[in-house]
Amino acid sequence: MTKNKINIIRNIEKTYLKKNLPIINIGDSIRIGLLIQEGSRERVQFSEGVIISINNSYLNTTITLRRVFQGIGVEKVYLIHSPRITSIEIIRKSKIRRAKLYYLRNRSGKATRLKQKFTK
C-alpha cells in the first residue's frame, strides 16, 4: 500500500479510537467490562486477569488476558477500541522484564506471581 492510502485509512480509523483508555502495560492485572447481550437486554460482564501480550496496531490493538479459573488457564483476546468494551480498570501493576509473558502458561500456583510495581 502506498503512504497516501495508509493515511486515508488512518484518518477514517481516528474517529473510532477511544480517548479515555488508561495506560496499560504487559503484566498489569486489570478488570475489563464487556457489554453482553442476553435476549433483548444488555448487561456488563466483568473479567479479570493479567495482560500477557499486547498487539499494537492502531485501531486493531488487542490485549491477551490470562486467568486461572477452577484450575484451568483461560486466555481471551480483547480489541481494546471495541465499542463493546465499556471500561478498563487497572487493579495492580507488575514489574516485568519481558515483552510477552507466555511463560506463565507453563507455571501454576505461586510460580505465576509477578513482582508488584509501586508508583510514586
PDB file of N, CA and C in Angstrom:
ATOM      1  N   MET A   1       0.839  -1.189   0.000  1.00  0.00           N
ATOM      2  CA  MET A   1       0.000   0.000   0.000  1.00  0.00           C
ATOM      3  C   MET A   1       0.877   1.243   0.000  1.00  0.00           C
ATOM      4  N   THR A   2       0.396   2.246  -0.660  1.00  0.00           N
ATOM      5  CA  THR A   2       1.145   3.492  -0.676  1.00  0.00           C
ATOM      6  C   THR A   2       0.861   4.285   0.589  1.00  0.00           C
ATOM      7  N   LYS A   3       1.720   5.273   0.850  1.00  0.00           N
ATOM      8  CA  LYS A   3       1.549   6.092   2.058  1.00  0.00           C
ATOM      9  C   LYS A   3       0.244   6.869   2.022  1.00  0.00           C
ATOM     10  N   ASN A   4      -0.193   7.259   0.829  1.00  0.00           N
ATOM     11  CA  ASN A   4      -1.433   8.006   0.703  1.00  0.00           C
ATOM     12  C   ASN A   4      -2.631   7.175   1.143  1.00  0.00           C
ATOM     13  N   LYS A   5      -2.669   5.896   0.750  1.00  0.00           N
ATOM     14  CA  LYS A   5      -3.762   5.005   1.142  1.00  0.00           C
ATOM     15  C   LYS A   5      -3.748   4.755   2.647  1.00  0.00           C
ATOM     16  N   ILE A   6      -2.544   4.595   3.204  1.00  0.00           N
ATOM     17  CA  ILE A   6      -2.438   4.362   4.648  1.00  0.00           C
ATOM     18  C   ILE A   6      -2.930   5.573   5.416  1.00  0.00           C
ATOM     19  N   ASN A   7      -2.600   6.775   4.944  1.00  0.00           N
ATOM     20  CA  ASN A   7      -3.063   7.998   5.609  1.00  0.00           C
ATOM     21  C   ASN A   7      -4.573   8.137   5.557  1.00  0.00           C
ATOM     22  N   ILE A   8      -5.174   7.748   4.446  1.00  0.00           N
ATOM     23  CA  ILE A   8      -6.636   7.804   4.330  1.00  0.00           C
ATOM     24  C   ILE A   8      -7.272   6.843   5.326  1.00  0.00           C
ATOM     25  N   ILE A   9      -6.728   5.628   5.422  1.00  0.00           N
ATOM     26  CA  ILE A   9      -7.256   4.637   6.364  1.00  0.00           C
ATOM     27  C   ILE A   9      -7.095   5.125   7.794  1.00  0.00           C
ATOM     28  N   ARG A  10      -5.942   5.686   8.131  1.00  0.00           N
ATOM     29  CA  ARG A  10      -5.705   6.200   9.493  1.00  0.00           C
ATOM     30  C   ARG A  10      -6.675   7.313   9.855  1.00  0.00           C
ATOM     31  N   ASN A  11      -6.957   8.198   8.908  1.00  0.00           N
ATOM     32  CA  ASN A  11      -7.893   9.292   9.183  1.00  0.00           C
ATOM     33  C   ASN A  11      -9.302   8.777   9.447  1.00  0.00           C
ATOM     34  N   ILE A  12      -9.709   7.743   8.736  1.00  0.00           N
ATOM     35  CA  ILE A  12     -11.029   7.158   8.968  1.00  0.00           C
ATOM     36  C   ILE A  12     -11.053   6.454  10.323  1.00  0.00           C
ATOM     37  N   GLU A  13      -9.989   5.712  10.637  1.00  0.00           N
ATOM     38  CA  GLU A  13      -9.924   4.976  11.902  1.00  0.00           C
ATOM     39  C   GLU A  13      -9.849   5.902  13.108  1.00  0.00           C
ATOM     40  N   LYS A  14      -9.328   7.095  12.934  1.00  0.00           N
ATOM     41  CA  LYS A  14      -9.138   8.028  14.046  1.00  0.00           C
ATOM     42  C   LYS A  14     -10.441   8.373  14.754  1.00  0.00           C
ATOM     43  N   THR A  15     -11.549   8.352  14.019  1.00  0.00           N
ATOM     44  CA  THR A  15     -12.845   8.687  14.624  1.00  0.00           C
ATOM     45  C   THR A  15     -13.332   7.589  15.563  1.00  0.00           C
ATOM     46  N   TYR A  16     -12.823   6.358  15.382  1.00  0.00           N
ATOM     47  CA  TYR A  16     -13.282   5.231  16.192  1.00  0.00           C
ATOM     48  C   TYR A  16     -12.363   4.920  17.369  1.00  0.00           C
ATOM     49  N   LEU A  17     -11.227   5.603  17.474  1.00  0.00           N
ATOM     50  CA  LEU A  17     -10.303   5.356  18.582  1.00  0.00           C
ATOM     51  C   LEU A  17     -10.887   5.877  19.887  1.00  0.00           C
ATOM     52  N   LYS A  18     -10.703   5.117  20.956  1.00  0.00           N
ATOM     53  CA  LYS A  18     -11.126   5.570  22.278  1.00  0.00           C
ATOM     54  C   LYS A  18     -10.058   6.491  22.848  1.00  0.00           C
ATOM     55  N   LYS A  19     -10.492   7.558  23.480  1.00  0.00           N
ATOM     56  CA  LYS A  19      -9.543   8.528  24.014  1.00  0.00           C
ATOM     57  C   LYS A  19      -9.373   8.435  25.524  1.00  0.00           C
ATOM     58  N   ASN A  20     -10.266   7.710  26.195  1.00  0.00           N
ATOM     59  CA  ASN A  20     -10.246   7.655  27.657  1.00  0.00           C
ATOM     60  C   ASN A  20      -9.655   6.356  28.196  1.00  0.00           C
ATOM     61  N   LEU A  21      -8.778   5.708  27.432  1.00  0.00           N
ATOM     62  CA  LEU A  21      -8.174   4.459  27.882  1.00  0.00           C
ATOM     63  C   LEU A  21      -7.031   4.724  28.854  1.00  0.00           C
ATOM     64  N   PRO A  22      -6.923   3.923  29.906  1.00  0.00           N
ATOM     65  CA  PRO A  22      -5.770   4.066  30.795  1.00  0.00           C
ATOM     66  C   PRO A  22      -4.508   3.523  30.121  1.00  0.00           C
ATOM     67  N   ILE A  23      -3.360   3.901  30.636  1.00  0.00           N
ATOM     68  CA  ILE A  23      -2.101   3.390  30.105  1.00  0.00           C
ATOM     69  C   ILE A  23      -1.895   2.001  30.685  1.00  0.00           C
ATOM     70  N   ILE A  24      -1.995   0.991  29.814  1.00  0.00           N
ATOM     71  CA  ILE A  24      -1.852  -0.384  30.274  1.00  0.00           C
ATOM     72  C   ILE A  24      -0.570  -0.974  29.707  1.00  0.00           C
ATOM     73  N   ASN A  25       0.062  -1.808  30.495  1.00  0.00           N
ATOM     74  CA  ASN A  25       1.295  -2.467  30.103  1.00  0.00           C
ATOM     75  C   ASN A  25       1.169  -3.958  30.333  1.00  0.00           C
ATOM     76  N   ILE A  26       2.124  -4.686  29.796  1.00  0.00           N
ATOM     77  CA  ILE A  26       2.163  -6.123  29.997  1.00  0.00           C
ATOM     78  C   ILE A  26       2.479  -6.392  31.467  1.00  0.00           C
ATOM     79  N   GLY A  27       1.795  -7.360  32.057  1.00  0.00           N
ATOM     80  CA  GLY A  27       1.993  -7.690  33.457  1.00  0.00           C
ATOM     81  C   GLY A  27       0.990  -7.029  34.379  1.00  0.00           C
ATOM     82  N   ASP A  28       0.208  -6.094  33.870  1.00  0.00           N
ATOM     83  CA  ASP A  28      -0.805  -5.433  34.688  1.00  0.00           C
ATOM     84  C   ASP A  28      -1.986  -6.369  34.915  1.00  0.00           C
ATOM     85  N   SER A  29      -2.522  -6.332  36.117  1.00  0.00           N
ATOM     86  CA  SER A  29      -3.771  -7.036  36.405  1.00  0.00           C
ATOM     87  C   SER A  29      -4.890  -6.035  36.187  1.00  0.00           C
ATOM     88  N   ILE A  30      -5.832  -6.383  35.336  1.00  0.00           N
ATOM     89  CA  ILE A  30      -6.896  -5.444  35.008  1.00  0.00           C
ATOM     90  C   ILE A  30      -8.263  -6.095  35.154  1.00  0.00           C
ATOM     91  N   ARG A  31      -9.277  -5.243  35.253  1.00  0.00           N
ATOM     92  CA  ARG A  31     -10.677  -5.673  35.225  1.00  0.00           C
ATOM     93  C   ARG A  31     -11.290  -4.975  34.016  1.00  0.00           C
ATOM     94  N   ILE A  32     -11.821  -5.770  33.098  1.00  0.00           N
ATOM     95  CA  ILE A  32     -12.362  -5.233  31.860  1.00  0.00           C
ATOM     96  C   ILE A  32     -13.865  -5.497  31.817  1.00  0.00           C
ATOM     97  N   GLY A  33     -14.641  -4.474  31.508  1.00  0.00           N
ATOM     98  CA  GLY A  33     -16.095  -4.584  31.435  1.00  0.00           C
ATOM     99  C   GLY A  33     -16.539  -4.752  29.998  1.00  0.00           C
ATOM    100  N   LEU A  34     -17.234  -5.838  29.714  1.00  0.00           N
ATOM    101  CA  LEU A  34     -17.656  -6.165  28.358  1.00  0.00           C
ATOM    102  C   LEU A  34     -19.178  -6.183  28.297  1.00  0.00           C
ATOM    103  N   LEU A  35     -19.729  -5.515  27.303  1.00  0.00           N
ATOM    104  CA  LEU A  35     -21.178  -5.437  27.132  1.00  0.00           C
ATOM    105  C   LEU A  35     -21.673  -6.737  26.497  1.00  0.00           C
ATOM    106  N   ILE A  36     -22.541  -7.451  27.212  1.00  0.00           N
ATOM    107  CA  ILE A  36     -23.078  -8.731  26.755  1.00  0.00           C
ATOM    108  C   ILE A  36     -24.570  -8.573  26.497  1.00  0.00           C
ATOM    109  N   GLN A  37     -25.028  -9.114  25.370  1.00  0.00           N
ATOM    110  CA  GLN A  37     -26.451  -9.047  25.059  1.00  0.00           C
ATOM    111  C   GLN A  37     -27.098 -10.385  25.364  1.00  0.00           C
ATOM    112  N   GLU A  38     -28.117 -10.336  26.200  1.00  0.00           N
ATOM    113  CA  GLU A  38     -28.880 -11.535  26.559  1.00  0.00           C
ATOM    114  C   GLU A  38     -30.332 -11.304  26.174  1.00  0.00           C
ATOM    115  N   GLY A  39     -30.720 -11.886  25.083  1.00  0.00           N
ATOM    116  CA  GLY A  39     -32.085 -11.689  24.614  1.00  0.00           C
ATOM    117  C   GLY A  39     -32.279 -10.258  24.159  1.00  0.00           C
ATOM    118  N   SER A  40     -33.194  -9.551  24.820  1.00  0.00           N
ATOM    119  CA  SER A  40     -33.483  -8.175  24.424  1.00  0.00           C
ATOM    120  C   SER A  40     -32.783  -7.144  25.314  1.00  0.00           C
ATOM    121  N   ARG A  41     -32.074  -7.602  26.339  1.00  0.00           N
ATOM    122  CA  ARG A  41     -31.425  -6.643  27.236  1.00  0.00           C
ATOM    123  C   ARG A  41     -29.914  -6.839  27.242  1.00  0.00           C
ATOM    124  N   GLU A  42     -29.227  -5.791  27.668  1.00  0.00           N
ATOM    125  CA  GLU A  42     -27.764  -5.827  27.715  1.00  0.00           C
ATOM    126  C   GLU A  42     -27.296  -5.656  29.141  1.00  0.00           C
ATOM    127  N   ARG A  43     -26.162  -6.271  29.451  1.00  0.00           N
ATOM    128  CA  ARG A  43     -25.558  -6.112  30.765  1.00  0.00           C
ATOM    129  C   ARG A  43     -24.053  -6.083  30.599  1.00  0.00           C
ATOM    130  N   VAL A  44     -23.361  -5.609  31.641  1.00  0.00           N
ATOM    131  CA  VAL A  44     -21.904  -5.539  31.615  1.00  0.00           C
ATOM    132  C   VAL A  44     -21.353  -6.724  32.400  1.00  0.00           C
ATOM    133  N   GLN A  45     -20.501  -7.495  31.750  1.00  0.00           N
ATOM    134  CA  GLN A  45     -19.849  -8.621  32.404  1.00  0.00           C
ATOM    135  C   GLN A  45     -18.375  -8.280  32.587  1.00  0.00           C
ATOM    136  N   PHE A  46     -17.890  -8.409  33.816  1.00  0.00           N
ATOM    137  CA  PHE A  46     -16.504  -8.070  34.120  1.00  0.00           C
ATOM    138  C   PHE A  46     -15.632  -9.310  34.070  1.00  0.00           C
ATOM    139  N   SER A  47     -14.416  -9.112  33.610  1.00  0.00           N
ATOM    140  CA  SER A  47     -13.445 -10.183  33.524  1.00  0.00           C
ATOM    141  C   SER A  47     -12.121  -9.652  34.064  1.00  0.00           C
ATOM    142  N   GLU A  48     -11.443 -10.444  34.888  1.00  0.00           N
ATOM    143  CA  GLU A  48     -10.173 -10.036  35.466  1.00  0.00           C
ATOM    144  C   GLU A  48      -9.077 -10.952  34.986  1.00  0.00           C
ATOM    145  N   GLY A  49      -7.851 -10.422  34.979  1.00  0.00           N
ATOM    146  CA  GLY A  49      -6.719 -11.252  34.600  1.00  0.00           C
ATOM    147  C   GLY A  49      -5.467 -10.436  34.417  1.00  0.00           C
ATOM    148  N   VAL A  50      -4.414 -11.117  34.009  1.00  0.00           N
ATOM    149  CA  VAL A  50      -3.111 -10.497  33.780  1.00  0.00           C
ATOM    150  C   VAL A  50      -2.916 -10.362  32.276  1.00  0.00           C
ATOM    151  N   ILE A  51      -2.432  -9.206  31.851  1.00  0.00           N
ATOM    152  CA  ILE A  51      -2.139  -8.997  30.442  1.00  0.00           C
ATOM    153  C   ILE A  51      -0.838  -9.713  30.120  1.00  0.00           C
ATOM    154  N   ILE A  52      -0.900 -10.704  29.220  1.00  0.00           N
ATOM    155  CA  ILE A  52       0.326 -11.422  28.870  1.00  0.00           C
ATOM    156  C   ILE A  52       0.893 -10.968  27.530  1.00  0.00           C
ATOM    157  N   SER A  53       0.094 -10.273  26.719  1.00  0.00           N
ATOM    158  CA  SER A  53       0.635  -9.720  25.479  1.00  0.00           C
ATOM    159  C   SER A  53      -0.233  -8.573  24.998  1.00  0.00           C
ATOM    160  N   ILE A  54       0.417  -7.663  24.285  1.00  0.00           N
ATOM    161  CA  ILE A  54      -0.265  -6.544  23.644  1.00  0.00           C
ATOM    162  C   ILE A  54       0.176  -6.517  22.193  1.00  0.00           C
ATOM    163  N   ASN A  55      -0.795  -6.408  21.291  1.00  0.00           N
ATOM    164  CA  ASN A  55      -0.505  -6.267  19.869  1.00  0.00           C
ATOM    165  C   ASN A  55      -0.938  -4.872  19.453  1.00  0.00           C
ATOM    166  N   ASN A  56       0.022  -3.955  19.325  1.00  0.00           N
ATOM    167  CA  ASN A  56      -0.278  -2.577  18.948  1.00  0.00           C
ATOM    168  C   ASN A  56      -0.402  -2.467  17.441  1.00  0.00           C
ATOM    169  N   SER A  57      -1.601  -2.145  16.996  1.00  0.00           N
ATOM    170  CA  SER A  57      -1.815  -1.990  15.569  1.00  0.00           C
ATOM    171  C   SER A  57      -2.946  -0.987  15.352  1.00  0.00           C
ATOM    172  N   TYR A  58      -2.747   0.214  15.907  1.00  0.00           N
ATOM    173  CA  TYR A  58      -3.652   1.351  15.769  1.00  0.00           C
ATOM    174  C   TYR A  58      -5.059   0.999  16.228  1.00  0.00           C
ATOM    175  N   LEU A  59      -6.022   0.941  15.335  1.00  0.00           N
ATOM    176  CA  LEU A  59      -7.398   0.654  15.743  1.00  0.00           C
ATOM    177  C   LEU A  59      -7.566  -0.807  16.153  1.00  0.00           C
ATOM    178  N   ASN A  60      -6.759  -1.693  15.584  1.00  0.00           N
ATOM    179  CA  ASN A  60      -6.867  -3.119  15.864  1.00  0.00           C
ATOM    180  C   ASN A  60      -5.973  -3.555  17.015  1.00  0.00           C
ATOM    181  N   THR A  61      -5.701  -2.685  17.957  1.00  0.00           N
ATOM    182  CA  THR A  61      -4.874  -3.029  19.108  1.00  0.00           C
ATOM    183  C   THR A  61      -5.598  -4.048  19.980  1.00  0.00           C
ATOM    184  N   THR A  62      -4.907  -5.142  20.281  1.00  0.00           N
ATOM    185  CA  THR A  62      -5.500  -6.191  21.095  1.00  0.00           C
ATOM    186  C   THR A  62      -4.646  -6.465  22.321  1.00  0.00           C
ATOM    187  N   ILE A  63      -5.300  -6.968  23.361  1.00  0.00           N
ATOM    188  CA  ILE A  63      -4.596  -7.439  24.545  1.00  0.00           C
ATOM    189  C   ILE A  63      -5.044  -8.876  24.793  1.00  0.00           C
ATOM    190  N   THR A  64      -4.120  -9.677  25.308  1.00  0.00           N
ATOM    191  CA  THR A  64      -4.456 -11.048  25.687  1.00  0.00           C
ATOM    192  C   THR A  64      -4.483 -11.107  27.196  1.00  0.00           C
ATOM    193  N   LEU A  65      -5.613 -11.507  27.735  1.00  0.00           N
ATOM    194  CA  LEU A  65      -5.833 -11.555  29.175  1.00  0.00           C
ATOM    195  C   LEU A  65      -5.824 -13.008  29.626  1.00  0.00           C
ATOM    196  N   ARG A  66      -5.064 -13.308  30.669  1.00  0.00           N
ATOM    197  CA  ARG A  66      -4.967 -14.684  31.176  1.00  0.00           C
ATOM    198  C   ARG A  66      -5.439 -14.736  32.618  1.00  0.00           C
ATOM    199  N   ARG A  67      -6.207 -15.783  32.900  1.00  0.00           N
ATOM    200  CA  ARG A  67      -6.694 -16.009  34.247  1.00  0.00           C
ATOM    201  C   ARG A  67      -6.821 -17.504  34.468  1.00  0.00           C
ATOM    202  N   VAL A  68      -6.518 -17.948  35.683  1.00  0.00           N
ATOM    203  CA  VAL A  68      -6.703 -19.352  36.021  1.00  0.00           C
ATOM    204  C   VAL A  68      -8.063 -19.466  36.708  1.00  0.00           C
ATOM    205  N   PHE A  69      -8.944 -20.245  36.101  1.00  0.00           N
ATOM    206  CA  PHE A  69     -10.295 -20.403  36.610  1.00  0.00           C
ATOM    207  C   PHE A  69     -10.548 -21.874  36.865  1.00  0.00           C
ATOM    208  N   GLN A  70     -10.783 -22.228  38.116  1.00  0.00           N
ATOM    209  CA  GLN A  70     -11.020 -23.603  38.559  1.00  0.00           C
ATOM    210  C   GLN A  70      -9.908 -24.542  38.094  1.00  0.00           C
ATOM    211  N   GLY A  71      -8.674 -24.057  38.213  1.00  0.00           N
ATOM    212  CA  GLY A  71      -7.520 -24.873  37.890  1.00  0.00           C
ATOM    213  C   GLY A  71      -7.174 -24.964  36.414  1.00  0.00           C
ATOM    214  N   ILE A  72      -7.935 -24.261  35.574  1.00  0.00           N
ATOM    215  CA  ILE A  72      -7.688 -24.282  34.130  1.00  0.00           C
ATOM    216  C   ILE A  72      -7.342 -22.869  33.680  1.00  0.00           C
ATOM    217  N   GLY A  73      -6.245 -22.729  32.933  1.00  0.00           N
ATOM    218  CA  GLY A  73      -5.845 -21.423  32.417  1.00  0.00           C
ATOM    219  C   GLY A  73      -6.727 -21.011  31.252  1.00  0.00           C
ATOM    220  N   VAL A  74      -7.282 -19.811  31.354  1.00  0.00           N
ATOM    221  CA  VAL A  74      -8.168 -19.294  30.320  1.00  0.00           C
ATOM    222  C   VAL A  74      -7.562 -18.008  29.770  1.00  0.00           C
ATOM    223  N   GLU A  75      -7.399 -17.935  28.454  1.00  0.00           N
ATOM    224  CA  GLU A  75      -6.884 -16.736  27.812  1.00  0.00           C
ATOM    225  C   GLU A  75      -7.928 -16.209  26.847  1.00  0.00           C
ATOM    226  N   LYS A  76      -8.062 -14.890  26.811  1.00  0.00           N
ATOM    227  CA  LYS A  76      -9.022 -14.282  25.907  1.00  0.00           C
ATOM    228  C   LYS A  76      -8.388 -13.046  25.294  1.00  0.00           C
ATOM    229  N   VAL A  77      -8.640 -12.834  24.019  1.00  0.00           N
ATOM    230  CA  VAL A  77      -8.104 -11.681  23.300  1.00  0.00           C
ATOM    231  C   VAL A  77      -9.206 -10.638  23.185  1.00  0.00           C
ATOM    232  N   TYR A  78      -8.898  -9.393  23.555  1.00  0.00           N
ATOM    233  CA  TYR A  78      -9.860  -8.297  23.503  1.00  0.00           C
ATOM    234  C   TYR A  78      -9.356  -7.204  22.572  1.00  0.00           C
ATOM    235  N   LEU A  79     -10.241  -6.687  21.731  1.00  0.00           N
ATOM    236  CA  LEU A  79      -9.964  -5.478  20.957  1.00  0.00           C
ATOM    237  C   LEU A  79     -10.245  -4.302  21.885  1.00  0.00           C
ATOM    238  N   ILE A  80      -9.237  -3.528  22.243  1.00  0.00           N
ATOM    239  CA  ILE A  80      -9.474  -2.520  23.275  1.00  0.00           C
ATOM    240  C   ILE A  80     -10.236  -1.302  22.772  1.00  0.00           C
ATOM    241  N   HIS A  81     -10.295  -1.085  21.462  1.00  0.00           N
ATOM    242  CA  HIS A  81     -11.056   0.045  20.925  1.00  0.00           C
ATOM    243  C   HIS A  81     -12.459  -0.364  20.506  1.00  0.00           C
ATOM    244  N   SER A  82     -12.871  -1.580  20.861  1.00  0.00           N
ATOM    245  CA  SER A  82     -14.200  -2.065  20.508  1.00  0.00           C
ATOM    246  C   SER A  82     -15.276  -1.297  21.279  1.00  0.00           C
ATOM    247  N   PRO A  83     -16.405  -0.999  20.643  1.00  0.00           N
ATOM    248  CA  PRO A  83     -17.494  -0.334  21.371  1.00  0.00           C
ATOM    249  C   PRO A  83     -18.145  -1.236  22.414  1.00  0.00           C
ATOM    250  N   ARG A  84     -17.908  -2.539  22.359  1.00  0.00           N
ATOM    251  CA  ARG A  84     -18.443  -3.473  23.344  1.00  0.00           C
ATOM    252  C   ARG A  84     -17.714  -3.381  24.686  1.00  0.00           C
ATOM    253  N   ILE A  85     -16.514  -2.863  24.700  1.00  0.00           N
ATOM    254  CA  ILE A  85     -15.758  -2.722  25.957  1.00  0.00           C
ATOM    255  C   ILE A  85     -16.146  -1.400  26.591  1.00  0.00           C
ATOM    256  N   THR A  86     -16.720  -1.480  27.792  1.00  0.00           N
ATOM    257  CA  THR A  86     -17.211  -0.277  28.456  1.00  0.00           C
ATOM    258  C   THR A  86     -16.178   0.338  29.390  1.00  0.00           C
ATOM    259  N   SER A  87     -15.362  -0.494  30.045  1.00  0.00           N
ATOM    260  CA  SER A  87     -14.399   0.059  30.993  1.00  0.00           C
ATOM    261  C   SER A  87     -13.183  -0.848  31.123  1.00  0.00           C
ATOM    262  N   ILE A  88     -12.043  -0.217  31.394  1.00  0.00           N
ATOM    263  CA  ILE A  88     -10.818  -0.940  31.708  1.00  0.00           C
ATOM    264  C   ILE A  88     -10.255  -0.305  32.970  1.00  0.00           C
ATOM    265  N   GLU A  89     -10.115  -1.123  34.015  1.00  0.00           N
ATOM    266  CA  GLU A  89      -9.647  -0.632  35.307  1.00  0.00           C
ATOM    267  C   GLU A  89      -8.387  -1.403  35.700  1.00  0.00           C
ATOM    268  N   ILE A  90      -7.339  -0.667  36.029  1.00  0.00           N
ATOM    269  CA  ILE A  90      -6.090  -1.301  36.427  1.00  0.00           C
ATOM    270  C   ILE A  90      -6.162  -1.613  37.916  1.00  0.00           C
ATOM    271  N   ILE A  91      -5.980  -2.899  38.253  1.00  0.00           N
ATOM    272  CA  ILE A  91      -6.022  -3.330  39.648  1.00  0.00           C
ATOM    273  C   ILE A  91      -4.625  -3.287  40.251  1.00  0.00           C
ATOM    274  N   ARG A  92      -3.647  -3.755  39.480  1.00  0.00           N
ATOM    275  CA  ARG A  92      -2.287  -3.876  40.010  1.00  0.00           C
ATOM    276  C   ARG A  92      -1.289  -3.809  38.862  1.00  0.00           C
ATOM    277  N   LYS A  93      -0.188  -3.078  39.073  1.00  0.00           N
ATOM    278  CA  LYS A  93       0.885  -3.011  38.088  1.00  0.00           C
ATOM    279  C   LYS A  93       2.011  -3.917  38.535  1.00  0.00           C
ATOM    280  N   SER A  94       2.640  -4.607  37.581  1.00  0.00           N
ATOM    281  CA  SER A  94       3.718  -5.528  37.904  1.00  0.00           C
ATOM    282  C   SER A  94       4.995  -5.132  37.184  1.00  0.00           C
ATOM    283  N   LYS A  95       6.100  -5.482  37.823  1.00  0.00           N
ATOM    284  CA  LYS A  95       7.424  -5.204  37.274  1.00  0.00           C
ATOM    285  C   LYS A  95       7.868  -6.442  36.502  1.00  0.00           C
ATOM    286  N   ILE A  96       8.060  -6.287  35.201  1.00  0.00           N
ATOM    287  CA  ILE A  96       8.414  -7.431  34.366  1.00  0.00           C
ATOM    288  C   ILE A  96       9.610  -7.083  33.504  1.00  0.00           C
ATOM    289  N   ARG A  97      10.231  -8.111  32.914  1.00  0.00           N
ATOM    290  CA  ARG A  97      11.401  -7.907  32.070  1.00  0.00           C
ATOM    291  C   ARG A  97      11.245  -8.585  30.718  1.00  0.00           C
ATOM    292  N   ARG A  98      10.029  -8.818  30.307  1.00  0.00           N
ATOM    293  CA  ARG A  98       9.755  -9.477  29.041  1.00  0.00           C
ATOM    294  C   ARG A  98       8.704  -8.688  28.252  1.00  0.00           C
ATOM    295  N   ALA A  99       8.694  -8.888  26.946  1.00  0.00           N
ATOM    296  CA  ALA A  99       7.695  -8.251  26.100  1.00  0.00           C
ATOM    297  C   ALA A  99       6.405  -9.076  26.063  1.00  0.00           C
ATOM    298  N   LYS A 100       6.533 -10.388  26.190  1.00  0.00           N
ATOM    299  CA  LYS A 100       5.374 -11.281  26.225  1.00  0.00           C
ATOM    300  C   LYS A 100       5.550 -12.223  27.408  1.00  0.00           C
ATOM    301  N   LEU A 101       4.474 -12.485  28.116  1.00  0.00           N
ATOM    302  CA  LEU A 101       4.547 -13.326  29.309  1.00  0.00           C
ATOM    303  C   LEU A 101       3.983 -14.718  29.050  1.00  0.00           C
ATOM    304  N   TYR A 102       4.352 -15.305  27.918  1.00  0.00           N
ATOM    305  CA  TYR A 102       3.848 -16.623  27.570  1.00  0.00           C
ATOM    306  C   TYR A 102       4.364 -17.713  28.504  1.00  0.00           C
ATOM    307  N   TYR A 103       5.444 -17.433  29.221  1.00  0.00           N
ATOM    308  CA  TYR A 103       5.984 -18.436  30.137  1.00  0.00           C
ATOM    309  C   TYR A 103       5.039 -18.708  31.299  1.00  0.00           C
ATOM    310  N   LEU A 104       4.073 -17.837  31.536  1.00  0.00           N
ATOM    311  CA  LEU A 104       3.099 -18.065  32.611  1.00  0.00           C
ATOM    312  C   LEU A 104       2.188 -19.253  32.306  1.00  0.00           C
ATOM    313  N   ARG A 105       2.112 -19.646  31.032  1.00  0.00           N
ATOM    314  CA  ARG A 105       1.277 -20.785  30.655  1.00  0.00           C
ATOM    315  C   ARG A 105       1.798 -22.088  31.249  1.00  0.00           C
ATOM    316  N   ASN A 106       3.103 -22.179  31.437  1.00  0.00           N
ATOM    317  CA  ASN A 106       3.717 -23.411  31.933  1.00  0.00           C
ATOM    318  C   ASN A 106       3.837 -23.443  33.445  1.00  0.00           C
ATOM    319  N   ARG A 107       3.403 -22.395  34.107  1.00  0.00           N
ATOM    320  CA  ARG A 107       3.545 -22.326  35.561  1.00  0.00           C
ATOM    321  C   ARG A 107       2.178 -22.358  36.222  1.00  0.00           C
ATOM    322  N   SER A 108       2.181 -22.771  37.495  1.00  0.00           N
ATOM    323  CA  SER A 108       0.919 -22.808  38.229  1.00  0.00           C
ATOM    324  C   SER A 108       1.174 -22.419  39.676  1.00  0.00           C
ATOM    325  N   GLY A 109       0.124 -21.982  40.329  1.00  0.00           N
ATOM    326  CA  GLY A 109       0.208 -21.647  41.746  1.00  0.00           C
ATOM    327  C   GLY A 109       1.040 -20.405  42.018  1.00  0.00           C
ATOM    328  N   LYS A 110       1.894 -20.505  43.034  1.00  0.00           N
ATOM    329  CA  LYS A 110       2.697 -19.363  43.445  1.00  0.00           C
ATOM    330  C   LYS A 110       3.750 -18.973  42.415  1.00  0.00           C
ATOM    331  N   ALA A 111       4.084 -19.866  41.518  1.00  0.00           N
ATOM    332  CA  ALA A 111       5.090 -19.574  40.491  1.00  0.00           C
ATOM    333  C   ALA A 111       4.593 -18.540  39.477  1.00  0.00           C
ATOM    334  N   THR A 112       3.289 -18.285  39.443  1.00  0.00           N
ATOM    335  CA  THR A 112       2.752 -17.318  38.487  1.00  0.00           C
ATOM    336  C   THR A 112       2.719 -15.900  39.048  1.00  0.00           C
ATOM    337  N   ARG A 113       3.158 -15.725  40.284  1.00  0.00           N
ATOM    338  CA  ARG A 113       3.128 -14.389  40.872  1.00  0.00           C
ATOM    339  C   ARG A 113       4.153 -13.486  40.202  1.00  0.00           C
ATOM    340  N   LEU A 114       3.783 -12.217  40.045  1.00  0.00           N
ATOM    341  CA  LEU A 114       4.676 -11.215  39.478  1.00  0.00           C
ATOM    342  C   LEU A 114       4.968 -10.174  40.547  1.00  0.00           C
ATOM    343  N   LYS A 115       6.170  -9.584  40.507  1.00  0.00           N
ATOM    344  CA  LYS A 115       6.522  -8.560  41.485  1.00  0.00           C
ATOM    345  C   LYS A 115       5.712  -7.312  41.232  1.00  0.00           C
ATOM    346  N   GLN A 116       5.192  -6.741  42.302  1.00  0.00           N
ATOM    347  CA  GLN A 116       4.376  -5.547  42.173  1.00  0.00           C
ATOM    348  C   GLN A 116       5.232  -4.320  41.978  1.00  0.00           C
ATOM    349  N   LYS A 117       4.779  -3.425  41.098  1.00  0.00           N
ATOM    350  CA  LYS A 117       5.483  -2.175  40.847  1.00  0.00           C
ATOM    351  C   LYS A 117       4.724  -1.079  41.577  1.00  0.00           C
ATOM    352  N   PHE A 118       5.418  -0.374  42.447  1.00  0.00           N
ATOM    353  CA  PHE A 118       4.787   0.710  43.209  1.00  0.00           C
ATOM    354  C   PHE A 118       5.102   2.025  42.526  1.00  0.00           C
ATOM    355  N   THR A 119       4.055   2.792  42.238  1.00  0.00           N
ATOM    356  CA  THR A 119       4.235   4.092  41.594  1.00  0.00           C
ATOM    357  C   THR A 119       4.214   5.185  42.652  1.00  0.00           C
ATOM    358  N   LYS A 120       4.932   6.228  42.363  1.00  0.00           N
ATOM    359  CA  LYS A 120       5.012   7.350  43.329  1.00  0.00           C
ATOM    360  C   LYS A 120       4.014   8.411  43.005  1.00  0.00           C
TER     361      LYS A 120
END
